[in-house]
Amino acid sequence: MATQRTARPGWLAWDNYFVGVVGLVLGLCFGTCAALIAGPGRNLAAIILVVLAALCVLPALLRALAELSVWVRLAVLVIGFALLLPAILVSPDVRDWAAERWEKAWK
């Protein structure tokens, strides 16, 4: 079952798309600045800008990984169903096993 949010996320919540987009833009800006100023005698400033860029991109990266894990789980579920469906249709033992698993899943 999907859970519903009781309230809208705040402007600075981790799961707000605005935070992700702004983080990506700031990360791109800081990363570009770091690449432009990197050179002899300026490595510390470039490293600091790269760290800032990584921190800005972190919310969008975490959200992307969370959504990717959902899609991977869905793909595994669909593939498993497609592979198991012929066995369920043919074998009564597999049907019994699947029925038991289904009942256990909903208890």
Foldseek 3Di string as FASTA:
>chain_A
DDDDDPDDDDPPDLPDVNLQVVLQVQLVVLQVVLVVPDDPPCNVVSVVSNVSSCVSNVSNVVNVVVVVVVVVVVVVVVVVCVVCVVVCVPDPVSVVVVVVVVVVVVD
